[in-house]
């Protein structure tokens, strides 16, 4: 009988400990999602500034008939567009994670 009660008490304590740990990590996951979304939004804004700068440089290079520099600016623009698209995808993924997390 003592073994049965000891085993039952062990199961109760082990189950309660794992439930507390699970809630703690769940809250940390939510905070991490919010932080990552904030950082990704900052990256999108940074990419938008780089795109505007590269567009301005491209316009100036075309005006000055510097076609080699314009070719480099177009390559930079393609890279910046790709980065911005990736960052926007990350923001959408973080929004999805936040929406599916349950906060108490």
PDB file of N, CA and C in Angstrom:
ATOM      1  N   UNK A   1       0.808  -1.178   0.000  1.00  0.00           N
ATOM      2  CA  UNK A   1       0.000   0.000   0.000  1.00  0.00           C
ATOM      3  C   UNK A   1       0.873   1.272   0.000  1.00  0.00           C
ATOM      4  N   UNK A   2       1.969   1.216   0.771  1.00  0.00           N
ATOM      5  CA  UNK A   2       2.855   2.377   0.814  1.00  0.00           C
ATOM      6  C   UNK A   2       3.481   2.619  -0.547  1.00  0.00           C
ATOM      7  N   UNK A   3       3.824   1.567  -1.267  1.00  0.00           N
ATOM      8  CA  UNK A   3       4.401   1.727  -2.600  1.00  0.00           C
ATOM      9  C   UNK A   3       3.398   2.377  -3.548  1.00  0.00           C
ATOM     10  N   UNK A   4       2.171   1.981  -3.457  1.00  0.00           N
ATOM     11  CA  UNK A   4       1.126   2.552  -4.313  1.00  0.00           C
ATOM     12  C   UNK A   4       0.960   4.043  -4.028  1.00  0.00           C
ATOM     13  N   UNK A   5       0.874   4.416  -2.763  1.00  0.00           N
ATOM     14  CA  UNK A   5       0.727   5.831  -2.406  1.00  0.00           C
ATOM     15  C   UNK A   5       1.976   6.629  -2.778  1.00  0.00           C
ATOM     16  N   UNK A   6       3.139   6.048  -2.569  1.00  0.00           N
ATOM     17  CA  UNK A   6       4.384   6.727  -2.927  1.00  0.00           C
ATOM     18  C   UNK A   6       4.448   6.945  -4.448  1.00  0.00           C
ATOM     19  N   UNK A   7       4.094   5.939  -5.197  1.00  0.00           N
ATOM     20  CA  UNK A   7       4.088   6.062  -6.654  1.00  0.00           C
ATOM     21  C   UNK A   7       3.088   7.088  -7.132  1.00  0.00           C
ATOM     22  N   UNK A   8       1.913   7.097  -6.510  1.00  0.00           N
ATOM     23  CA  UNK A   8       0.877   8.066  -6.881  1.00  0.00           C
ATOM     24  C   UNK A   8       1.330   9.493  -6.570  1.00  0.00           C
ATOM     25  N   UNK A   9       1.928   9.701  -5.402  1.00  0.00           N
ATOM     26  CA  UNK A   9       2.414  11.030  -5.036  1.00  0.00           C
ATOM     27  C   UNK A   9       3.535  11.486  -5.979  1.00  0.00           C
ATOM     28  N   UNK A  10       4.402  10.553  -6.338  1.00  0.00           N
ATOM     29  CA  UNK A  10       5.473  10.882  -7.283  1.00  0.00           C
ATOM     30  C   UNK A  10       4.893  11.340  -8.618  1.00  0.00           C
ATOM     31  N   UNK A  11       3.889  10.652  -9.107  1.00  0.00           N
ATOM     32  CA  UNK A  11       3.258  11.016 -10.383  1.00  0.00           C
ATOM     33  C   UNK A  11       2.604  12.397 -10.303  1.00  0.00           C
ATOM     34  N   UNK A  12       1.968  12.695  -9.179  1.00  0.00           N
ATOM     35  CA  UNK A  12       1.314  14.000  -9.011  1.00  0.00           C
ATOM     36  C   UNK A  12       2.359  15.114  -9.009  1.00  0.00           C
ATOM     37  N   UNK A  13       3.441  14.950  -8.249  1.00  0.00           N
ATOM     38  CA  UNK A  13       4.474  15.985  -8.196  1.00  0.00           C
ATOM     39  C   UNK A  13       5.196  16.141  -9.537  1.00  0.00           C
ATOM     40  N   UNK A  14       5.457  15.050 -10.207  1.00  0.00           N
ATOM     41  CA  UNK A  14       6.138  15.117 -11.504  1.00  0.00           C
ATOM     42  C   UNK A  14       5.251  15.810 -12.528  1.00  0.00           C
ATOM     43  N   UNK A  15       3.958  15.515 -12.503  1.00  0.00           N
ATOM     44  CA  UNK A  15       3.018  16.142 -13.443  1.00  0.00           C
ATOM     45  C   UNK A  15       2.870  17.626 -13.186  1.00  0.00           C
ATOM     46  N   UNK A  16       2.801  18.016 -11.916  1.00  0.00           N
ATOM     47  CA  UNK A  16       2.656  19.439 -11.575  1.00  0.00           C
ATOM     48  C   UNK A  16       3.911  20.208 -11.975  1.00  0.00           C
ATOM     49  N   UNK A  17       5.066  19.627 -11.758  1.00  0.00           N
ATOM     50  CA  UNK A  17       6.320  20.300 -12.128  1.00  0.00           C
ATOM     51  C   UNK A  17       6.427  20.523 -13.617  1.00  0.00           C
ATOM     52  N   UNK A  18       6.023  19.549 -14.402  1.00  0.00           N
ATOM     53  CA  UNK A  18       6.117  19.712 -15.851  1.00  0.00           C
ATOM     54  C   UNK A  18       5.089  20.710 -16.362  1.00  0.00           C
ATOM     55  N   UNK A  19       3.933  20.811 -15.716  1.00  0.00           N
ATOM     56  CA  UNK A  19       2.921  21.785 -16.140  1.00  0.00           C
ATOM     57  C   UNK A  19       3.403  23.206 -15.875  1.00  0.00           C
ATOM     58  N   UNK A  20       4.069  23.433 -14.753  1.00  0.00           N
ATOM     59  CA  UNK A  20       4.591  24.761 -14.437  1.00  0.00           C
ATOM     60  C   UNK A  20       5.678  25.136 -15.444  1.00  0.00           C
ATOM     61  N   UNK A  21       6.555  24.211 -15.751  1.00  0.00           N
ATOM     62  CA  UNK A  21       7.615  24.486 -16.717  1.00  0.00           C
ATOM     63  C   UNK A  21       7.042  24.772 -18.097  1.00  0.00           C
ATOM     64  N   UNK A  22       5.998  24.064 -18.454  1.00  0.00           N
ATOM     65  CA  UNK A  22       5.386  24.269 -19.767  1.00  0.00           C
ATOM     66  C   UNK A  22       4.798  25.670 -19.863  1.00  0.00           C
ATOM     67  N   UNK A  23       4.107  26.155 -18.837  1.00  0.00           N
ATOM     68  CA  UNK A  23       3.533  27.496 -18.859  1.00  0.00           C
ATOM     69  C   UNK A  23       4.629  28.557 -18.924  1.00  0.00           C
ATOM     70  N   UNK A  24       5.712  28.343 -18.215  1.00  0.00           N
ATOM     71  CA  UNK A  24       6.796  29.310 -18.225  1.00  0.00           C
ATOM     72  C   UNK A  24       7.382  29.457 -19.626  1.00  0.00           C
ATOM     73  N   UNK A  25       7.649  28.357 -20.295  1.00  0.00           N
ATOM     74  CA  UNK A  25       8.220  28.425 -21.630  1.00  0.00           C
ATOM     75  C   UNK A  25       7.217  28.977 -22.627  1.00  0.00           C
ATOM     76  N   UNK A  26       5.938  28.736 -22.389  1.00  0.00           N
ATOM     77  CA  UNK A  26       4.916  29.275 -23.286  1.00  0.00           C
ATOM     78  C   UNK A  26       4.930  30.803 -23.241  1.00  0.00           C
ATOM     79  N   UNK A  27       5.029  31.389 -22.043  1.00  0.00           N
ATOM     80  CA  UNK A  27       5.070  32.842 -21.924  1.00  0.00           C
ATOM     81  C   UNK A  27       6.324  33.406 -22.572  1.00  0.00           C
ATOM     82  N   UNK A  28       7.438  32.708 -22.416  1.00  0.00           N
ATOM     83  CA  UNK A  28       8.674  33.176 -23.031  1.00  0.00           C
ATOM     84  C   UNK A  28       8.562  33.143 -24.545  1.00  0.00           C
ATOM     85  N   UNK A  29       7.856  32.150 -25.079  1.00  0.00           N
ATOM     86  CA  UNK A  29       7.680  32.052 -26.526  1.00  0.00           C
ATOM     87  C   UNK A  29       6.886  33.242 -27.043  1.00  0.00           C
ATOM     88  N   UNK A  30       5.858  33.652 -26.330  1.00  0.00           N
ATOM     89  CA  UNK A  30       5.060  34.804 -26.747  1.00  0.00           C
ATOM     90  C   UNK A  30       5.862  36.078 -26.749  1.00  0.00           C
ATOM     91  N   UNK A  31       6.654  36.290 -25.708  1.00  0.00           N
ATOM     92  CA  UNK A  31       7.496  37.489 -25.660  1.00  0.00           C
ATOM     93  C   UNK A  31       8.511  37.477 -26.790  1.00  0.00           C
ATOM     94  N   UNK A  32       9.048  36.297 -27.079  1.00  0.00           N
ATOM     95  CA  UNK A  32      10.033  36.196 -28.165  1.00  0.00           C
ATOM     96  C   UNK A  32       9.372  36.514 -29.504  1.00  0.00           C
ATOM     97  N   UNK A  33       8.119  36.067 -29.702  1.00  0.00           N
ATOM     98  CA  UNK A  33       7.423  36.364 -30.955  1.00  0.00           C
ATOM     99  C   UNK A  33       7.214  37.864 -31.124  1.00  0.00           C
ATOM    100  N   UNK A  34       6.819  38.550 -30.052  1.00  0.00           N
ATOM    101  CA  UNK A  34       6.625  39.992 -30.133  1.00  0.00           C
ATOM    102  C   UNK A  34       7.939  40.705 -30.437  1.00  0.00           C
ATOM    103  N   UNK A  35       9.025  40.264 -29.781  1.00  0.00           N
ATOM    104  CA  UNK A  35      10.327  40.893 -30.010  1.00  0.00           C
ATOM    105  C   UNK A  35      10.810  40.662 -31.437  1.00  0.00           C
ATOM    106  N   UNK A  36      10.636  39.430 -31.926  1.00  0.00           N
ATOM    107  CA  UNK A  36      11.062  39.133 -33.299  1.00  0.00           C
ATOM    108  C   UNK A  36      10.248  39.929 -34.308  1.00  0.00           C
ATOM    109  N   UNK A  37       8.940  40.078 -34.053  1.00  0.00           N
ATOM    110  CA  UNK A  37       8.109  40.867 -34.971  1.00  0.00           C
ATOM    111  C   UNK A  37       8.572  42.318 -34.991  1.00  0.00           C
ATOM    112  N   UNK A  38       8.903  42.854 -33.821  1.00  0.00           N
ATOM    113  CA  UNK A  38       9.396  44.234 -33.749  1.00  0.00           C
ATOM    114  C   UNK A  38      10.702  44.385 -34.523  1.00  0.00           C
ATOM    115  N   UNK A  39      11.609  43.422 -34.348  1.00  0.00           N
ATOM    116  CA  UNK A  39      12.890  43.487 -35.056  1.00  0.00           C
ATOM    117  C   UNK A  39      12.696  43.344 -36.559  1.00  0.00           C
ATOM    118  N   UNK A  40      11.791  42.491 -36.983  1.00  0.00           N
ATOM    119  CA  UNK A  40      11.540  42.325 -38.420  1.00  0.00           C
ATOM    120  C   UNK A  40      10.912  43.575 -39.016  1.00  0.00           C
ATOM    121  N   UNK A  41      10.013  44.212 -38.286  1.00  0.00           N
ATOM    122  CA  UNK A  41       9.426  45.468 -38.777  1.00  0.00           C
ATOM    123  C   UNK A  41      10.490  46.547 -38.919  1.00  0.00           C
ATOM    124  N   UNK A  42      11.423  46.577 -37.955  1.00  0.00           N
ATOM    125  CA  UNK A  42      12.536  47.529 -38.040  1.00  0.00           C
ATOM    126  C   UNK A  42      13.379  47.248 -39.283  1.00  0.00           C
ATOM    127  N   UNK A  43      13.604  45.959 -39.570  1.00  0.00           N
ATOM    128  CA  UNK A  43      14.367  45.586 -40.759  1.00  0.00           C
ATOM    129  C   UNK A  43      13.643  45.997 -42.038  1.00  0.00           C
ATOM    130  N   UNK A  44      12.314  45.880 -42.055  1.00  0.00           N
ATOM    131  CA  UNK A  44      11.542  46.296 -43.234  1.00  0.00           C
ATOM    132  C   UNK A  44      11.705  47.792 -43.459  1.00  0.00           C
ATOM    133  N   UNK A  45      11.622  48.568 -42.369  1.00  0.00           N
ATOM    134  CA  UNK A  45      11.804  50.028 -42.503  1.00  0.00           C
ATOM    135  C   UNK A  45      13.213  50.360 -42.996  1.00  0.00           C
ATOM    136  N   UNK A  46      14.199  49.658 -42.464  1.00  0.00           N
ATOM    137  CA  UNK A  46      15.587  49.877 -42.886  1.00  0.00           C
ATOM    138  C   UNK A  46      15.749  49.544 -44.374  1.00  0.00           C
ATOM    139  N   UNK A  47      15.135  48.433 -44.811  1.00  0.00           N
ATOM    140  CA  UNK A  47      15.207  48.053 -46.223  1.00  0.00           C
ATOM    141  C   UNK A  47      14.521  49.089 -47.103  1.00  0.00           C
ATOM    142  N   UNK A  48      13.417  49.660 -46.623  1.00  0.00           N
ATOM    143  CA  UNK A  48      12.726  50.688 -47.404  1.00  0.00           C
ATOM    144  C   UNK A  48      13.625  51.920 -47.584  1.00  0.00           C
ATOM    145  N   UNK A  49      14.352  52.284 -46.550  1.00  0.00           N
ATOM    146  CA  UNK A  49      15.280  53.418 -46.676  1.00  0.00           C
ATOM    147  C   UNK A  49      16.400  53.109 -47.669  1.00  0.00           C
ATOM    148  N   UNK A  50      16.919  51.871 -47.621  1.00  0.00           N
ATOM    149  CA  UNK A  50      17.972  51.493 -48.567  1.00  0.00           C
ATOM    150  C   UNK A  50      17.439  51.492 -49.997  1.00  0.00           C
ATOM    151  N   UNK A  51      16.188  51.055 -50.190  1.00  0.00           N
ATOM    152  CA  UNK A  51      15.595  51.047 -51.526  1.00  0.00           C
ATOM    153  C   UNK A  51      15.456  52.470 -52.041  1.00  0.00           C
ATOM    154  N   UNK A  52      14.980  53.364 -51.188  1.00  0.00           N
ATOM    155  CA  UNK A  52      14.847  54.767 -51.610  1.00  0.00           C
ATOM    156  C   UNK A  52      16.198  55.376 -51.974  1.00  0.00           C
ATOM    157  N   UNK A  53      17.228  55.068 -51.192  1.00  0.00           N
ATOM    158  CA  UNK A  53      18.564  55.586 -51.489  1.00  0.00           C
ATOM    159  C   UNK A  53      19.070  55.038 -52.825  1.00  0.00           C
ATOM    160  N   UNK A  54      18.884  53.721 -53.052  1.00  0.00           N
ATOM    161  CA  UNK A  54      19.348  53.122 -54.306  1.00  0.00           C
ATOM    162  C   UNK A  54      18.564  53.645 -55.504  1.00  0.00           C
ATOM    163  N   UNK A  55      17.274  53.898 -55.335  1.00  0.00           N
ATOM    164  CA  UNK A  55      16.488  54.489 -56.423  1.00  0.00           C
ATOM    165  C   UNK A  55      17.013  55.876 -56.786  1.00  0.00           C
ATOM    166  N   UNK A  56      17.331  56.651 -55.736  1.00  0.00           N
ATOM    167  CA  UNK A  56      17.860  57.999 -55.955  1.00  0.00           C
ATOM    168  C   UNK A  56      19.196  57.931 -56.694  1.00  0.00           C
ATOM    169  N   UNK A  57      20.063  57.008 -56.270  1.00  0.00           N
ATOM    170  CA  UNK A  57      21.354  56.852 -56.947  1.00  0.00           C
ATOM    171  C   UNK A  57      21.175  56.385 -58.388  1.00  0.00           C
ATOM    172  N   UNK A  58      20.237  55.475 -58.617  1.00  0.00           N
ATOM    173  CA  UNK A  58      19.973  54.997 -59.974  1.00  0.00           C
ATOM    174  C   UNK A  58      19.494  56.140 -60.864  1.00  0.00           C
ATOM    175  N   UNK A  59      18.596  56.949 -60.332  1.00  0.00           N
ATOM    176  CA  UNK A  59      18.093  58.095 -61.101  1.00  0.00           C
ATOM    177  C   UNK A  59      19.222  59.066 -61.441  1.00  0.00           C
ATOM    178  N   UNK A  60      20.102  59.314 -60.471  1.00  0.00           N
ATOM    179  CA  UNK A  60      21.229  60.222 -60.728  1.00  0.00           C
ATOM    180  C   UNK A  60      22.199  59.629 -61.742  1.00  0.00           C
ATOM    181  N   UNK A  61      22.477  58.344 -61.647  1.00  0.00           N
ATOM    182  CA  UNK A  61      23.401  57.700 -62.586  1.00  0.00           C
ATOM    183  C   UNK A  61      22.841  57.702 -64.002  1.00  0.00           C
ATOM    184  N   UNK A  62      21.542  57.477 -64.127  1.00  0.00           N
ATOM    185  CA  UNK A  62      20.936  57.531 -65.469  1.00  0.00           C
ATOM    186  C   UNK A  62      21.002  58.950 -66.034  1.00  0.00           C
ATOM    187  N   UNK A  63      20.770  59.930 -65.165  1.00  0.00           N
ATOM    188  CA  UNK A  63      20.809  61.320 -65.607  1.00  0.00           C
ATOM    189  C   UNK A  63      22.213  61.696 -66.087  1.00  0.00           C
ATOM    190  N   UNK A  64      23.235  61.168 -65.411  1.00  0.00           N
ATOM    191  CA  UNK A  64      24.620  61.469 -65.769  1.00  0.00           C
ATOM    192  C   UNK A  64      25.174  60.510 -66.822  1.00  0.00           C
ATOM    193  N   UNK A  65      24.358  59.608 -67.330  1.00  0.00           N
ATOM    194  CA  UNK A  65      24.738  58.616 -68.344  1.00  0.00           C
ATOM    195  C   UNK A  65      25.865  57.701 -67.866  1.00  0.00           C
ATOM    196  N   UNK A  66      25.856  57.387 -66.584  1.00  0.00           N
ATOM    197  CA  UNK A  66      26.835  56.472 -66.001  1.00  0.00           C
ATOM    198  C   UNK A  66      26.149  55.093 -65.907  1.00  0.00           C
ATOM    199  N   UNK A  67      26.185  54.355 -67.005  1.00  0.00           N
ATOM    200  CA  UNK A  67      25.396  53.137 -67.103  1.00  0.00           C
ATOM    201  C   UNK A  67      25.993  51.977 -66.308  1.00  0.00           C
ATOM    202  N   UNK A  68      27.294  51.953 -66.113  1.00  0.00           N
ATOM    203  CA  UNK A  68      27.906  50.896 -65.300  1.00  0.00           C
ATOM    204  C   UNK A  68      27.460  51.028 -63.836  1.00  0.00           C
ATOM    205  N   UNK A  69      27.445  52.248 -63.331  1.00  0.00           N
ATOM    206  CA  UNK A  69      26.977  52.473 -61.961  1.00  0.00           C
ATOM    207  C   UNK A  69      25.479  52.188 -61.856  1.00  0.00           C
ATOM    208  N   UNK A  70      24.722  52.513 -62.912  1.00  0.00           N
ATOM    209  CA  UNK A  70      23.287  52.232 -62.912  1.00  0.00           C
ATOM    210  C   UNK A  70      23.038  50.718 -62.853  1.00  0.00           C
ATOM    211  N   UNK A  71      23.862  49.945 -63.541  1.00  0.00           N
ATOM    212  CA  UNK A  71      23.729  48.490 -63.508  1.00  0.00           C
ATOM    213  C   UNK A  71      23.967  47.968 -62.086  1.00  0.00           C
ATOM    214  N   UNK A  72      24.970  48.514 -61.409  1.00  0.00           N
ATOM    215  CA  UNK A  72      25.236  48.125 -60.023  1.00  0.00           C
ATOM    216  C   UNK A  72      24.084  48.535 -59.096  1.00  0.00           C
ATOM    217  N   UNK A  73      23.516  49.702 -59.343  1.00  0.00           N
ATOM    218  CA  UNK A  73      22.386  50.155 -58.531  1.00  0.00           C
ATOM    219  C   UNK A  73      21.172  49.252 -58.719  1.00  0.00           C
ATOM    220  N   UNK A  74      20.933  48.809 -59.957  1.00  0.00           N
ATOM    221  CA  UNK A  74      19.811  47.880 -60.195  1.00  0.00           C
ATOM    222  C   UNK A  74      20.037  46.561 -59.464  1.00  0.00           C
ATOM    223  N   UNK A  75      21.291  46.098 -59.455  1.00  0.00           N
ATOM    224  CA  UNK A  75      21.605  44.858 -58.736  1.00  0.00           C
ATOM    225  C   UNK A  75      21.367  45.047 -57.234  1.00  0.00           C
ATOM    226  N   UNK A  76      21.772  46.203 -56.700  1.00  0.00           N
ATOM    227  CA  UNK A  76      21.525  46.491 -55.288  1.00  0.00           C
ATOM    228  C   UNK A  76      20.026  46.565 -54.994  1.00  0.00           C
ATOM    229  N   UNK A  77      19.274  47.153 -55.917  1.00  0.00           N
ATOM    230  CA  UNK A  77      17.828  47.237 -55.725  1.00  0.00           C
ATOM    231  C   UNK A  77      17.191  45.843 -55.684  1.00  0.00           C
ATOM    232  N   UNK A  78      17.608  44.967 -56.605  1.00  0.00           N
ATOM    233  CA  UNK A  78      17.059  43.607 -56.586  1.00  0.00           C
ATOM    234  C   UNK A  78      17.362  42.918 -55.259  1.00  0.00           C
ATOM    235  N   UNK A  79      18.571  43.094 -54.754  1.00  0.00           N
ATOM    236  CA  UNK A  79      18.954  42.509 -53.475  1.00  0.00           C
ATOM    237  C   UNK A  79      18.106  43.092 -52.339  1.00  0.00           C
ATOM    238  N   UNK A  80      17.906  44.413 -52.345  1.00  0.00           N
ATOM    239  CA  UNK A  80      17.119  45.058 -51.301  1.00  0.00           C
ATOM    240  C   UNK A  80      15.658  44.620 -51.356  1.00  0.00           C
ATOM    241  N   UNK A  81      15.099  44.482 -52.552  1.00  0.00           N
ATOM    242  CA  UNK A  81      13.717  44.000 -52.685  1.00  0.00           C
ATOM    243  C   UNK A  81      13.589  42.585 -52.135  1.00  0.00           C
ATOM    244  N   UNK A  82      14.588  41.749 -52.409  1.00  0.00           N
ATOM    245  CA  UNK A  82      14.568  40.373 -51.920  1.00  0.00           C
ATOM    246  C   UNK A  82      14.632  40.348 -50.385  1.00  0.00           C
ATOM    247  N   UNK A  83      15.478  41.178 -49.799  1.00  0.00           N
ATOM    248  CA  UNK A  83      15.575  41.261 -48.343  1.00  0.00           C
ATOM    249  C   UNK A  83      14.267  41.737 -47.725  1.00  0.00           C
ATOM    250  N   UNK A  84      13.661  42.759 -48.328  1.00  0.00           N
ATOM    251  CA  UNK A  84      12.405  43.283 -47.797  1.00  0.00           C
ATOM    252  C   UNK A  84      11.303  42.240 -47.883  1.00  0.00           C
ATOM    253  N   UNK A  85      11.262  41.492 -48.982  1.00  0.00           N
ATOM    254  CA  UNK A  85      10.260  40.435 -49.134  1.00  0.00           C
ATOM    255  C   UNK A  85      10.448  39.363 -48.057  1.00  0.00           C
ATOM    256  N   UNK A  86      11.693  39.007 -47.788  1.00  0.00           N
ATOM    257  CA  UNK A  86      11.982  38.018 -46.753  1.00  0.00           C
ATOM    258  C   UNK A  86      11.582  38.537 -45.369  1.00  0.00           C
ATOM    259  N   UNK A  87      11.878  39.798 -45.085  1.00  0.00           N
ATOM    260  CA  UNK A  87      11.523  40.369 -43.790  1.00  0.00           C
ATOM    261  C   UNK A  87      10.004  40.459 -43.630  1.00  0.00           C
ATOM    262  N   UNK A  88       9.297  40.817 -44.689  1.00  0.00           N
ATOM    263  CA  UNK A  88       7.831  40.863 -44.612  1.00  0.00           C
ATOM    264  C   UNK A  88       7.260  39.470 -44.370  1.00  0.00           C
ATOM    265  N   UNK A  89       7.862  38.468 -44.992  1.00  0.00           N
ATOM    266  CA  UNK A  89       7.423  37.085 -44.767  1.00  0.00           C
ATOM    267  C   UNK A  89       7.639  36.694 -43.305  1.00  0.00           C
ATOM    268  N   UNK A  90       8.759  37.134 -42.729  1.00  0.00           N
ATOM    269  CA  UNK A  90       9.023  36.856 -41.319  1.00  0.00           C
ATOM    270  C   UNK A  90       7.997  37.540 -40.418  1.00  0.00           C
ATOM    271  N   UNK A  91       7.619  38.769 -40.750  1.00  0.00           N
ATOM    272  CA  UNK A  91       6.610  39.490 -39.963  1.00  0.00           C
ATOM    273  C   UNK A  91       5.288  38.734 -40.018  1.00  0.00           C
ATOM    274  N   UNK A  92       4.893  38.277 -41.209  1.00  0.00           N
ATOM    275  CA  UNK A  92       3.646  37.516 -41.318  1.00  0.00           C
ATOM    276  C   UNK A  92       3.707  36.238 -40.498  1.00  0.00           C
ATOM    277  N   UNK A  93       4.864  35.559 -40.521  1.00  0.00           N
ATOM    278  CA  UNK A  93       5.011  34.346 -39.723  1.00  0.00           C
ATOM    279  C   UNK A  93       4.927  34.636 -38.231  1.00  0.00           C
ATOM    280  N   UNK A  94       5.537  35.733 -37.793  1.00  0.00           N
ATOM    281  CA  UNK A  94       5.457  36.102 -36.379  1.00  0.00           C
ATOM    282  C   UNK A  94       4.027  36.474 -35.999  1.00  0.00           C
ATOM    283  N   UNK A  95       3.317  37.179 -36.880  1.00  0.00           N
ATOM    284  CA  UNK A  95       1.913  37.499 -36.611  1.00  0.00           C
ATOM    285  C   UNK A  95       1.094  36.224 -36.470  1.00  0.00           C
ATOM    286  N   UNK A  96       1.358  35.259 -37.331  1.00  0.00           N
ATOM    287  CA  UNK A  96       0.643  33.987 -37.269  1.00  0.00           C
ATOM    288  C   UNK A  96       0.942  33.271 -35.956  1.00  0.00           C
ATOM    289  N   UNK A  97       2.206  33.269 -35.532  1.00  0.00           N
ATOM    290  CA  UNK A  97       2.573  32.636 -34.263  1.00  0.00           C
ATOM    291  C   UNK A  97       1.888  33.317 -33.090  1.00  0.00           C
ATOM    292  N   UNK A  98       1.863  34.641 -33.102  1.00  0.00           N
ATOM    293  CA  UNK A  98       1.232  35.386 -32.013  1.00  0.00           C
ATOM    294  C   UNK A  98      -0.263  35.107 -31.989  1.00  0.00           C
ATOM    295  N   UNK A  99      -0.882  35.072 -33.147  1.00  0.00           N
ATOM    296  CA  UNK A  99      -2.322  34.844 -33.228  1.00  0.00           C
ATOM    297  C   UNK A  99      -2.693  33.451 -32.719  1.00  0.00           C
ATOM    298  N   UNK A 100      -1.847  32.458 -32.964  1.00  0.00           N
ATOM    299  CA  UNK A 100      -2.165  31.091 -32.560  1.00  0.00           C
ATOM    300  C   UNK A 100      -1.744  30.778 -31.131  1.00  0.00           C
ATOM    301  N   UNK A 101      -0.933  31.639 -30.506  1.00  0.00           N
ATOM    302  CA  UNK A 101      -0.594  31.445 -29.097  1.00  0.00           C
ATOM    303  C   UNK A 101      -1.781  31.892 -28.256  1.00  0.00           C
ATOM    304  N   UNK A 102      -1.994  31.220 -27.152  1.00  0.00           N
ATOM    305  CA  UNK A 102      -3.070  31.630 -26.260  1.00  0.00           C
ATOM    306  C   UNK A 102      -2.445  32.292 -25.054  1.00  0.00           C
ATOM    307  N   UNK A 103      -2.806  33.538 -24.807  1.00  0.00           N
ATOM    308  CA  UNK A 103      -2.287  34.289 -23.667  1.00  0.00           C
ATOM    309  C   UNK A 103      -3.346  34.310 -22.573  1.00  0.00           C
ATOM    310  N   UNK A 104      -2.893  34.091 -21.357  1.00  0.00           N
ATOM    311  CA  UNK A 104      -3.833  34.079 -20.244  1.00  0.00           C
ATOM    312  C   UNK A 104      -3.701  35.325 -19.434  1.00  0.00           C
TER     313      UNK A 104
END
